[in-house]
């Protein structure tokens, strides 16, 4: 089976959308010849094995898109605990 990556979707988002589980993330990456760190581009087609689809009743119209945009990266360009600063890239509410 196959489907198209939507704007701001990661491989993990795609796995949840198409297979209903995050565990399919690794299989989808390998099946398509990508490292797990691959950032898919909107419009890119990814394939997956229908046997990886579980919990079909939970995946109705779920289309997660959690990738960070370039403009969001400019706001907080550093990553990781060593680079966190309150009110700069770590907000307390």
PDB file of N, CA and C in Angstrom:
ATOM      1  N   UNK A   1       0.847  -1.171   0.000  1.00  0.00           N
ATOM      2  CA  UNK A   1       0.000   0.000   0.000  1.00  0.00           C
ATOM      3  C   UNK A   1       0.895   1.237   0.000  1.00  0.00           C
ATOM      4  N   UNK A   2       0.294   2.351  -0.345  1.00  0.00           N
ATOM      5  CA  UNK A   2       1.055   3.594  -0.350  1.00  0.00           C
ATOM      6  C   UNK A   2       0.132   4.772  -0.075  1.00  0.00           C
ATOM      7  N   UNK A   3       0.745   5.861   0.343  1.00  0.00           N
ATOM      8  CA  UNK A   3       0.019   7.099   0.540  1.00  0.00           C
ATOM      9  C   UNK A   3       1.016   8.244   0.446  1.00  0.00           C
ATOM     10  N   UNK A   4       0.492   9.454   0.377  1.00  0.00           N
ATOM     11  CA  UNK A   4       1.317  10.642   0.179  1.00  0.00           C
ATOM     12  C   UNK A   4       1.520  11.369   1.506  1.00  0.00           C
ATOM     13  N   UNK A   5       2.752  11.815   1.735  1.00  0.00           N
ATOM     14  CA  UNK A   5       3.097  12.608   2.918  1.00  0.00           C
ATOM     15  C   UNK A   5       2.411  13.963   2.819  1.00  0.00           C
ATOM     16  N   UNK A   6       1.818  14.378   3.915  1.00  0.00           N
ATOM     17  CA  UNK A   6       1.171  15.683   3.974  1.00  0.00           C
ATOM     18  C   UNK A   6       2.129  16.694   4.589  1.00  0.00           C
ATOM     19  N   UNK A   7       1.792  17.968   4.469  1.00  0.00           N
ATOM     20  CA  UNK A   7       2.637  19.037   4.987  1.00  0.00           C
ATOM     21  C   UNK A   7       2.914  18.837   6.477  1.00  0.00           C
ATOM     22  N   UNK A   8       4.175  18.953   6.865  1.00  0.00           N
ATOM     23  CA  UNK A   8       4.673  18.858   8.247  1.00  0.00           C
ATOM     24  C   UNK A   8       4.573  17.460   8.841  1.00  0.00           C
ATOM     25  N   UNK A   9       4.403  16.426   8.029  1.00  0.00           N
ATOM     26  CA  UNK A   9       4.374  15.071   8.569  1.00  0.00           C
ATOM     27  C   UNK A   9       5.775  14.485   8.644  1.00  0.00           C
ATOM     28  N   UNK A  10       6.023  13.763   9.715  1.00  0.00           N
ATOM     29  CA  UNK A  10       7.261  13.018   9.889  1.00  0.00           C
ATOM     30  C   UNK A  10       6.979  11.558   9.546  1.00  0.00           C
ATOM     31  N   UNK A  11       8.020  10.735   9.516  1.00  0.00           N
ATOM     32  CA  UNK A  11       7.804   9.305   9.300  1.00  0.00           C
ATOM     33  C   UNK A  11       6.955   8.719  10.424  1.00  0.00           C
ATOM     34  N   UNK A  12       7.159   9.209  11.637  1.00  0.00           N
ATOM     35  CA  UNK A  12       6.364   8.729  12.772  1.00  0.00           C
ATOM     36  C   UNK A  12       4.889   9.100  12.596  1.00  0.00           C
ATOM     37  N   UNK A  13       4.623  10.332  12.149  1.00  0.00           N
ATOM     38  CA  UNK A  13       3.242  10.751  11.894  1.00  0.00           C
ATOM     39  C   UNK A  13       2.589   9.835  10.855  1.00  0.00           C
ATOM     40  N   UNK A  14       3.335   9.557   9.790  1.00  0.00           N
ATOM     41  CA  UNK A  14       2.829   8.702   8.714  1.00  0.00           C
ATOM     42  C   UNK A  14       2.517   7.302   9.234  1.00  0.00           C
ATOM     43  N   UNK A  15       3.386   6.772  10.079  1.00  0.00           N
ATOM     44  CA  UNK A  15       3.174   5.431  10.644  1.00  0.00           C
ATOM     45  C   UNK A  15       1.893   5.386  11.462  1.00  0.00           C
ATOM     46  N   UNK A  16       1.662   6.404  12.261  1.00  0.00           N
ATOM     47  CA  UNK A  16       0.451   6.456  13.083  1.00  0.00           C
ATOM     48  C   UNK A  16      -0.781   6.597  12.188  1.00  0.00           C
ATOM     49  N   UNK A  17      -0.695   7.453  11.190  1.00  0.00           N
ATOM     50  CA  UNK A  17      -1.818   7.684  10.287  1.00  0.00           C
ATOM     51  C   UNK A  17      -2.186   6.425   9.506  1.00  0.00           C
ATOM     52  N   UNK A  18      -1.206   5.769   8.939  1.00  0.00           N
ATOM     53  CA  UNK A  18      -1.479   4.651   8.037  1.00  0.00           C
ATOM     54  C   UNK A  18      -1.595   3.300   8.725  1.00  0.00           C
ATOM     55  N   UNK A  19      -0.838   3.091   9.787  1.00  0.00           N
ATOM     56  CA  UNK A  19      -0.796   1.766  10.412  1.00  0.00           C
ATOM     57  C   UNK A  19      -1.437   1.724  11.788  1.00  0.00           C
ATOM     58  N   UNK A  20      -1.713   2.896  12.360  1.00  0.00           N
ATOM     59  CA  UNK A  20      -2.355   2.942  13.651  1.00  0.00           C
ATOM     60  C   UNK A  20      -1.421   2.710  14.817  1.00  0.00           C
ATOM     61  N   UNK A  21      -0.114   2.703  14.550  1.00  0.00           N
ATOM     62  CA  UNK A  21       0.844   2.455  15.623  1.00  0.00           C
ATOM     63  C   UNK A  21       2.189   3.077  15.289  1.00  0.00           C
ATOM     64  N   UNK A  22       2.884   3.514  16.315  1.00  0.00           N
ATOM     65  CA  UNK A  22       4.214   4.082  16.139  1.00  0.00           C
ATOM     66  C   UNK A  22       5.243   3.009  15.795  1.00  0.00           C
ATOM     67  N   UNK A  23       4.968   1.767  16.197  1.00  0.00           N
ATOM     68  CA  UNK A  23       5.917   0.680  15.949  1.00  0.00           C
ATOM     69  C   UNK A  23       6.203   0.490  14.451  1.00  0.00           C
ATOM     70  N   UNK A  24       5.258   0.834  13.600  1.00  0.00           N
ATOM     71  CA  UNK A  24       5.444   0.679  12.149  1.00  0.00           C
ATOM     72  C   UNK A  24       6.448   1.683  11.587  1.00  0.00           C
ATOM     73  N   UNK A  25       6.797   2.682  12.367  1.00  0.00           N
ATOM     74  CA  UNK A  25       7.734   3.726  11.954  1.00  0.00           C
ATOM     75  C   UNK A  25       9.047   3.136  11.423  1.00  0.00           C
ATOM     76  N   UNK A  26       9.613   2.187  12.146  1.00  0.00           N
ATOM     77  CA  UNK A  26      10.892   1.593  11.752  1.00  0.00           C
ATOM     78  C   UNK A  26      10.748   0.776  10.472  1.00  0.00           C
ATOM     79  N   UNK A  27       9.662   0.029  10.361  1.00  0.00           N
ATOM     80  CA  UNK A  27       9.435  -0.769   9.161  1.00  0.00           C
ATOM     81  C   UNK A  27       9.228   0.114   7.938  1.00  0.00           C
ATOM     82  N   UNK A  28       8.478   1.194   8.100  1.00  0.00           N
ATOM     83  CA  UNK A  28       8.227   2.107   6.981  1.00  0.00           C
ATOM     84  C   UNK A  28       9.530   2.752   6.514  1.00  0.00           C
ATOM     85  N   UNK A  29      10.357   3.187   7.452  1.00  0.00           N
ATOM     86  CA  UNK A  29      11.642   3.788   7.084  1.00  0.00           C
ATOM     87  C   UNK A  29      12.491   2.789   6.298  1.00  0.00           C
ATOM     88  N   UNK A  30      12.645   1.593   6.807  1.00  0.00           N
ATOM     89  CA  UNK A  30      13.463   0.581   6.139  1.00  0.00           C
ATOM     90  C   UNK A  30      12.863   0.166   4.799  1.00  0.00           C
ATOM     91  N   UNK A  31      11.564  -0.024   4.754  1.00  0.00           N
ATOM     92  CA  UNK A  31      10.859  -0.466   3.547  1.00  0.00           C
ATOM     93  C   UNK A  31      11.056   0.520   2.399  1.00  0.00           C
ATOM     94  N   UNK A  32      11.155   1.812   2.741  1.00  0.00           N
ATOM     95  CA  UNK A  32      11.327   2.854   1.728  1.00  0.00           C
ATOM     96  C   UNK A  32      12.782   3.253   1.531  1.00  0.00           C
ATOM     97  N   UNK A  33      13.699   2.568   2.231  1.00  0.00           N
ATOM     98  CA  UNK A  33      15.124   2.824   2.065  1.00  0.00           C
ATOM     99  C   UNK A  33      15.617   4.074   2.763  1.00  0.00           C
ATOM    100  N   UNK A  34      14.947   4.479   3.824  1.00  0.00           N
ATOM    101  CA  UNK A  34      15.320   5.689   4.540  1.00  0.00           C
ATOM    102  C   UNK A  34      15.862   5.370   5.923  1.00  0.00           C
ATOM    103  N   UNK A  35      16.695   6.269   6.423  1.00  0.00           N
ATOM    104  CA  UNK A  35      17.102   6.215   7.830  1.00  0.00           C
ATOM    105  C   UNK A  35      15.929   6.733   8.653  1.00  0.00           C
ATOM    106  N   UNK A  36      15.886   6.394   9.926  1.00  0.00           N
ATOM    107  CA  UNK A  36      14.786   6.862  10.774  1.00  0.00           C
ATOM    108  C   UNK A  36      14.821   8.376  10.971  1.00  0.00           C
ATOM    109  N   UNK A  37      15.924   9.010  10.633  1.00  0.00           N
ATOM    110  CA  UNK A  37      16.053  10.463  10.752  1.00  0.00           C
ATOM    111  C   UNK A  37      15.609  11.196   9.483  1.00  0.00           C
ATOM    112  N   UNK A  38      15.159  10.466   8.478  1.00  0.00           N
ATOM    113  CA  UNK A  38      14.737  11.072   7.203  1.00  0.00           C
ATOM    114  C   UNK A  38      13.578  12.039   7.432  1.00  0.00           C
ATOM    115  N   UNK A  39      13.678  13.232   6.852  1.00  0.00           N
ATOM    116  CA  UNK A  39      12.595  14.210   6.894  1.00  0.00           C
ATOM    117  C   UNK A  39      11.854  14.160   5.562  1.00  0.00           C
ATOM    118  N   UNK A  40      10.690  13.536   5.519  1.00  0.00           N
ATOM    119  CA  UNK A  40       9.966  13.449   4.253  1.00  0.00           C
ATOM    120  C   UNK A  40       9.452  14.815   3.808  1.00  0.00           C
ATOM    121  N   UNK A  41       9.266  14.950   2.512  1.00  0.00           N
ATOM    122  CA  UNK A  41       8.788  16.186   1.905  1.00  0.00           C
ATOM    123  C   UNK A  41       7.313  16.013   1.559  1.00  0.00           C
ATOM    124  N   UNK A  42       6.525  17.053   1.787  1.00  0.00           N
ATOM    125  CA  UNK A  42       5.106  17.001   1.442  1.00  0.00           C
ATOM    126  C   UNK A  42       4.956  16.619  -0.023  1.00  0.00           C
ATOM    127  N   UNK A  43       4.090  15.657  -0.299  1.00  0.00           N
ATOM    128  CA  UNK A  43       3.868  15.171  -1.657  1.00  0.00           C
ATOM    129  C   UNK A  43       4.635  13.907  -1.975  1.00  0.00           C
ATOM    130  N   UNK A  44       5.604  13.564  -1.141  1.00  0.00           N
ATOM    131  CA  UNK A  44       6.389  12.343  -1.324  1.00  0.00           C
ATOM    132  C   UNK A  44       5.494  11.129  -1.055  1.00  0.00           C
ATOM    133  N   UNK A  45       5.638  10.090  -1.857  1.00  0.00           N
ATOM    134  CA  UNK A  45       4.855   8.873  -1.680  1.00  0.00           C
ATOM    135  C   UNK A  45       5.668   7.850  -0.909  1.00  0.00           C
ATOM    136  N   UNK A  46       5.076   7.297   0.144  1.00  0.00           N
ATOM    137  CA  UNK A  46       5.711   6.244   0.924  1.00  0.00           C
ATOM    138  C   UNK A  46       4.876   4.974   0.819  1.00  0.00           C
ATOM    139  N   UNK A  47       5.562   3.856   0.821  1.00  0.00           N
ATOM    140  CA  UNK A  47       4.889   2.567   0.757  1.00  0.00           C
ATOM    141  C   UNK A  47       5.008   1.850   2.091  1.00  0.00           C
ATOM    142  N   UNK A  48       4.040   0.954   2.348  1.00  0.00           N
ATOM    143  CA  UNK A  48       4.070   0.151   3.559  1.00  0.00           C
ATOM    144  C   UNK A  48       3.336  -1.154   3.302  1.00  0.00           C
ATOM    145  N   UNK A  49       3.631  -2.128   4.104  1.00  0.00           N
ATOM    146  CA  UNK A  49       3.025  -3.446   3.987  1.00  0.00           C
ATOM    147  C   UNK A  49       1.691  -3.441   4.736  1.00  0.00           C
ATOM    148  N   UNK A  50       0.600  -3.886   4.106  1.00  0.00           N
ATOM    149  CA  UNK A  50      -0.696  -3.892   4.788  1.00  0.00           C
ATOM    150  C   UNK A  50      -0.713  -4.726   6.069  1.00  0.00           C
ATOM    151  N   UNK A  51       0.223  -5.645   6.205  1.00  0.00           N
ATOM    152  CA  UNK A  51       0.285  -6.466   7.419  1.00  0.00           C
ATOM    153  C   UNK A  51       0.680  -5.642   8.648  1.00  0.00           C
ATOM    154  N   UNK A  52       1.255  -4.468   8.444  1.00  0.00           N
ATOM    155  CA  UNK A  52       1.658  -3.618   9.562  1.00  0.00           C
ATOM    156  C   UNK A  52       0.478  -2.853  10.154  1.00  0.00           C
ATOM    157  N   UNK A  53      -0.657  -2.824   9.453  1.00  0.00           N
ATOM    158  CA  UNK A  53      -1.823  -2.064   9.907  1.00  0.00           C
ATOM    159  C   UNK A  53      -2.496  -2.803  11.058  1.00  0.00           C
ATOM    160  N   UNK A  54      -2.592  -2.126  12.200  1.00  0.00           N
ATOM    161  CA  UNK A  54      -3.280  -2.691  13.359  1.00  0.00           C
ATOM    162  C   UNK A  54      -4.259  -1.664  13.895  1.00  0.00           C
ATOM    163  N   UNK A  55      -5.147  -2.105  14.705  1.00  0.00           N
ATOM    164  CA  UNK A  55      -6.100  -1.205  15.353  1.00  0.00           C
ATOM    165  C   UNK A  55      -6.778  -0.284  14.353  1.00  0.00           C
ATOM    166  N   UNK A  56      -7.299  -0.843  13.277  1.00  0.00           N
ATOM    167  CA  UNK A  56      -7.917  -0.029  12.231  1.00  0.00           C
ATOM    168  C   UNK A  56      -8.993   0.910  12.778  1.00  0.00           C
ATOM    169  N   UNK A  57      -9.699   0.478  13.802  1.00  0.00           N
ATOM    170  CA  UNK A  57     -10.773   1.325  14.317  1.00  0.00           C
ATOM    171  C   UNK A  57     -10.242   2.603  14.950  1.00  0.00           C
ATOM    172  N   UNK A  58      -8.954   2.665  15.314  1.00  0.00           N
ATOM    173  CA  UNK A  58      -8.387   3.851  15.939  1.00  0.00           C
ATOM    174  C   UNK A  58      -7.772   4.824  14.940  1.00  0.00           C
ATOM    175  N   UNK A  59      -7.653   4.446  13.692  1.00  0.00           N
ATOM    176  CA  UNK A  59      -6.943   5.311  12.753  1.00  0.00           C
ATOM    177  C   UNK A  59      -7.849   6.050  11.783  1.00  0.00           C
ATOM    178  N   UNK A  60      -9.102   6.200  12.103  1.00  0.00           N
ATOM    179  CA  UNK A  60     -10.038   6.908  11.241  1.00  0.00           C
ATOM    180  C   UNK A  60      -9.715   8.395  11.204  1.00  0.00           C
ATOM    181  N   UNK A  61      -9.382   8.894  10.034  1.00  0.00           N
ATOM    182  CA  UNK A  61      -9.134  10.318   9.799  1.00  0.00           C
ATOM    183  C   UNK A  61      -8.076  10.939  10.704  1.00  0.00           C
ATOM    184  N   UNK A  62      -7.130  10.159  11.181  1.00  0.00           N
ATOM    185  CA  UNK A  62      -6.025  10.698  11.961  1.00  0.00           C
ATOM    186  C   UNK A  62      -4.925  11.090  10.988  1.00  0.00           C
ATOM    187  N   UNK A  63      -4.522  12.351  11.010  1.00  0.00           N
ATOM    188  CA  UNK A  63      -3.468  12.843  10.128  1.00  0.00           C
ATOM    189  C   UNK A  63      -2.519  13.729  10.922  1.00  0.00           C
ATOM    190  N   UNK A  64      -1.727  13.142  11.825  1.00  0.00           N
ATOM    191  CA  UNK A  64      -0.813  13.960  12.618  1.00  0.00           C
ATOM    192  C   UNK A  64       0.251  14.618  11.751  1.00  0.00           C
ATOM    193  N   UNK A  65       0.657  15.806  12.139  1.00  0.00           N
ATOM    194  CA  UNK A  65       1.699  16.547  11.426  1.00  0.00           C
ATOM    195  C   UNK A  65       2.482  17.344  12.461  1.00  0.00           C
ATOM    196  N   UNK A  66       3.557  16.764  12.973  1.00  0.00           N
ATOM    197  CA  UNK A  66       4.276  17.364  14.094  1.00  0.00           C
ATOM    198  C   UNK A  66       5.662  17.902  13.753  1.00  0.00           C
ATOM    199  N   UNK A  67       6.036  17.936  12.487  1.00  0.00           N
ATOM    200  CA  UNK A  67       7.366  18.422  12.116  1.00  0.00           C
ATOM    201  C   UNK A  67       7.487  19.917  12.412  1.00  0.00           C
ATOM    202  N   UNK A  68       8.691  20.352  12.708  1.00  0.00           N
ATOM    203  CA  UNK A  68       8.969  21.750  13.018  1.00  0.00           C
ATOM    204  C   UNK A  68       9.326  22.485  11.729  1.00  0.00           C
ATOM    205  N   UNK A  69       8.727  23.652  11.529  1.00  0.00           N
ATOM    206  CA  UNK A  69       9.009  24.439  10.336  1.00  0.00           C
ATOM    207  C   UNK A  69      10.295  25.232  10.520  1.00  0.00           C
ATOM    208  N   UNK A  70      10.811  25.765   9.431  1.00  0.00           N
ATOM    209  CA  UNK A  70      12.041  26.564   9.485  1.00  0.00           C
ATOM    210  C   UNK A  70      11.843  27.808  10.341  1.00  0.00           C
ATOM    211  N   UNK A  71      10.674  28.444  10.251  1.00  0.00           N
ATOM    212  CA  UNK A  71      10.434  29.645  11.055  1.00  0.00           C
ATOM    213  C   UNK A  71      10.353  29.306  12.546  1.00  0.00           C
ATOM    214  N   UNK A  72       9.809  28.135  12.878  1.00  0.00           N
ATOM    215  CA  UNK A  72       9.789  27.706  14.275  1.00  0.00           C
ATOM    216  C   UNK A  72      11.197  27.397  14.761  1.00  0.00           C
ATOM    217  N   UNK A  73      12.034  26.855  13.910  1.00  0.00           N
ATOM    218  CA  UNK A  73      13.420  26.543  14.261  1.00  0.00           C
ATOM    219  C   UNK A  73      14.187  27.827  14.559  1.00  0.00           C
ATOM    220  N   UNK A  74      13.880  28.931  13.851  1.00  0.00           N
ATOM    221  CA  UNK A  74      14.556  30.207  14.087  1.00  0.00           C
ATOM    222  C   UNK A  74      14.248  30.754  15.475  1.00  0.00           C
ATOM    223  N   UNK A  75      13.051  30.489  15.979  1.00  0.00           N
ATOM    224  CA  UNK A  75      12.661  30.973  17.305  1.00  0.00           C
ATOM    225  C   UNK A  75      13.516  30.323  18.382  1.00  0.00           C
ATOM    226  N   UNK A  76      13.731  29.022  18.268  1.00  0.00           N
ATOM    227  CA  UNK A  76      14.525  28.268  19.241  1.00  0.00           C
ATOM    228  C   UNK A  76      15.479  27.356  18.474  1.00  0.00           C
ATOM    229  N   UNK A  77      16.615  27.894  18.008  1.00  0.00           N
ATOM    230  CA  UNK A  77      17.495  27.134  17.123  1.00  0.00           C
ATOM    231  C   UNK A  77      18.274  26.007  17.781  1.00  0.00           C
ATOM    232  N   UNK A  78      18.365  25.996  19.106  1.00  0.00           N
ATOM    233  CA  UNK A  78      19.156  24.969  19.757  1.00  0.00           C
ATOM    234  C   UNK A  78      18.261  23.873  20.294  1.00  0.00           C
ATOM    235  N   UNK A  79      18.784  22.670  20.374  1.00  0.00           N
ATOM    236  CA  UNK A  79      18.021  21.528  20.862  1.00  0.00           C
ATOM    237  C   UNK A  79      18.700  20.906  22.069  1.00  0.00           C
ATOM    238  N   UNK A  80      17.925  20.199  22.844  1.00  0.00           N
ATOM    239  CA  UNK A  80      18.481  19.413  23.927  1.00  0.00           C
ATOM    240  C   UNK A  80      18.440  20.111  25.269  1.00  0.00           C
ATOM    241  N   UNK A  81      18.556  19.322  26.299  1.00  0.00           N
ATOM    242  CA  UNK A  81      18.480  19.831  27.661  1.00  0.00           C
ATOM    243  C   UNK A  81      19.602  20.826  27.952  1.00  0.00           C
ATOM    244  N   UNK A  82      20.782  20.581  27.422  1.00  0.00           N
ATOM    245  CA  UNK A  82      21.904  21.482  27.658  1.00  0.00           C
ATOM    246  C   UNK A  82      21.702  22.871  27.097  1.00  0.00           C
ATOM    247  N   UNK A  83      20.725  23.037  26.217  1.00  0.00           N
ATOM    248  CA  UNK A  83      20.480  24.328  25.586  1.00  0.00           C
ATOM    249  C   UNK A  83      19.160  24.959  26.014  1.00  0.00           C
ATOM    250  N   UNK A  84      18.487  24.379  26.973  1.00  0.00           N
ATOM    251  CA  UNK A  84      17.197  24.916  27.393  1.00  0.00           C
ATOM    252  C   UNK A  84      17.376  26.105  28.321  1.00  0.00           C
ATOM    253  N   UNK A  85      16.548  27.113  28.129  1.00  0.00           N
ATOM    254  CA  UNK A  85      16.557  28.292  28.985  1.00  0.00           C
ATOM    255  C   UNK A  85      15.114  28.722  29.189  1.00  0.00           C
ATOM    256  N   UNK A  86      14.732  28.975  30.424  1.00  0.00           N
ATOM    257  CA  UNK A  86      13.375  29.367  30.735  1.00  0.00           C
ATOM    258  C   UNK A  86      13.027  30.649  29.986  1.00  0.00           C
ATOM    259  N   UNK A  87      11.828  30.661  29.399  1.00  0.00           N
ATOM    260  CA  UNK A  87      11.274  31.770  28.625  1.00  0.00           C
ATOM    261  C   UNK A  87      11.987  32.017  27.306  1.00  0.00           C
ATOM    262  N   UNK A  88      12.986  31.218  26.959  1.00  0.00           N
ATOM    263  CA  UNK A  88      13.612  31.342  25.646  1.00  0.00           C
ATOM    264  C   UNK A  88      13.151  30.169  24.784  1.00  0.00           C
ATOM    265  N   UNK A  89      13.448  28.963  25.210  1.00  0.00           N
ATOM    266  CA  UNK A  89      12.959  27.794  24.486  1.00  0.00           C
ATOM    267  C   UNK A  89      12.344  26.767  25.424  1.00  0.00           C
ATOM    268  N   UNK A  90      12.147  27.135  26.668  1.00  0.00           N
ATOM    269  CA  UNK A  90      11.484  26.299  27.664  1.00  0.00           C
ATOM    270  C   UNK A  90      10.517  27.203  28.412  1.00  0.00           C
ATOM    271  N   UNK A  91       9.223  26.971  28.194  1.00  0.00           N
ATOM    272  CA  UNK A  91       8.212  27.858  28.744  1.00  0.00           C
ATOM    273  C   UNK A  91       7.482  27.193  29.897  1.00  0.00           C
ATOM    274  N   UNK A  92       7.291  27.950  30.956  1.00  0.00           N
ATOM    275  CA  UNK A  92       6.593  27.484  32.140  1.00  0.00           C
ATOM    276  C   UNK A  92       5.228  28.164  32.152  1.00  0.00           C
ATOM    277  N   UNK A  93       4.185  27.352  32.293  1.00  0.00           N
ATOM    278  CA  UNK A  93       2.849  27.965  32.330  1.00  0.00           C
ATOM    279  C   UNK A  93       2.173  27.695  33.653  1.00  0.00           C
TER     280      UNK A  93
END
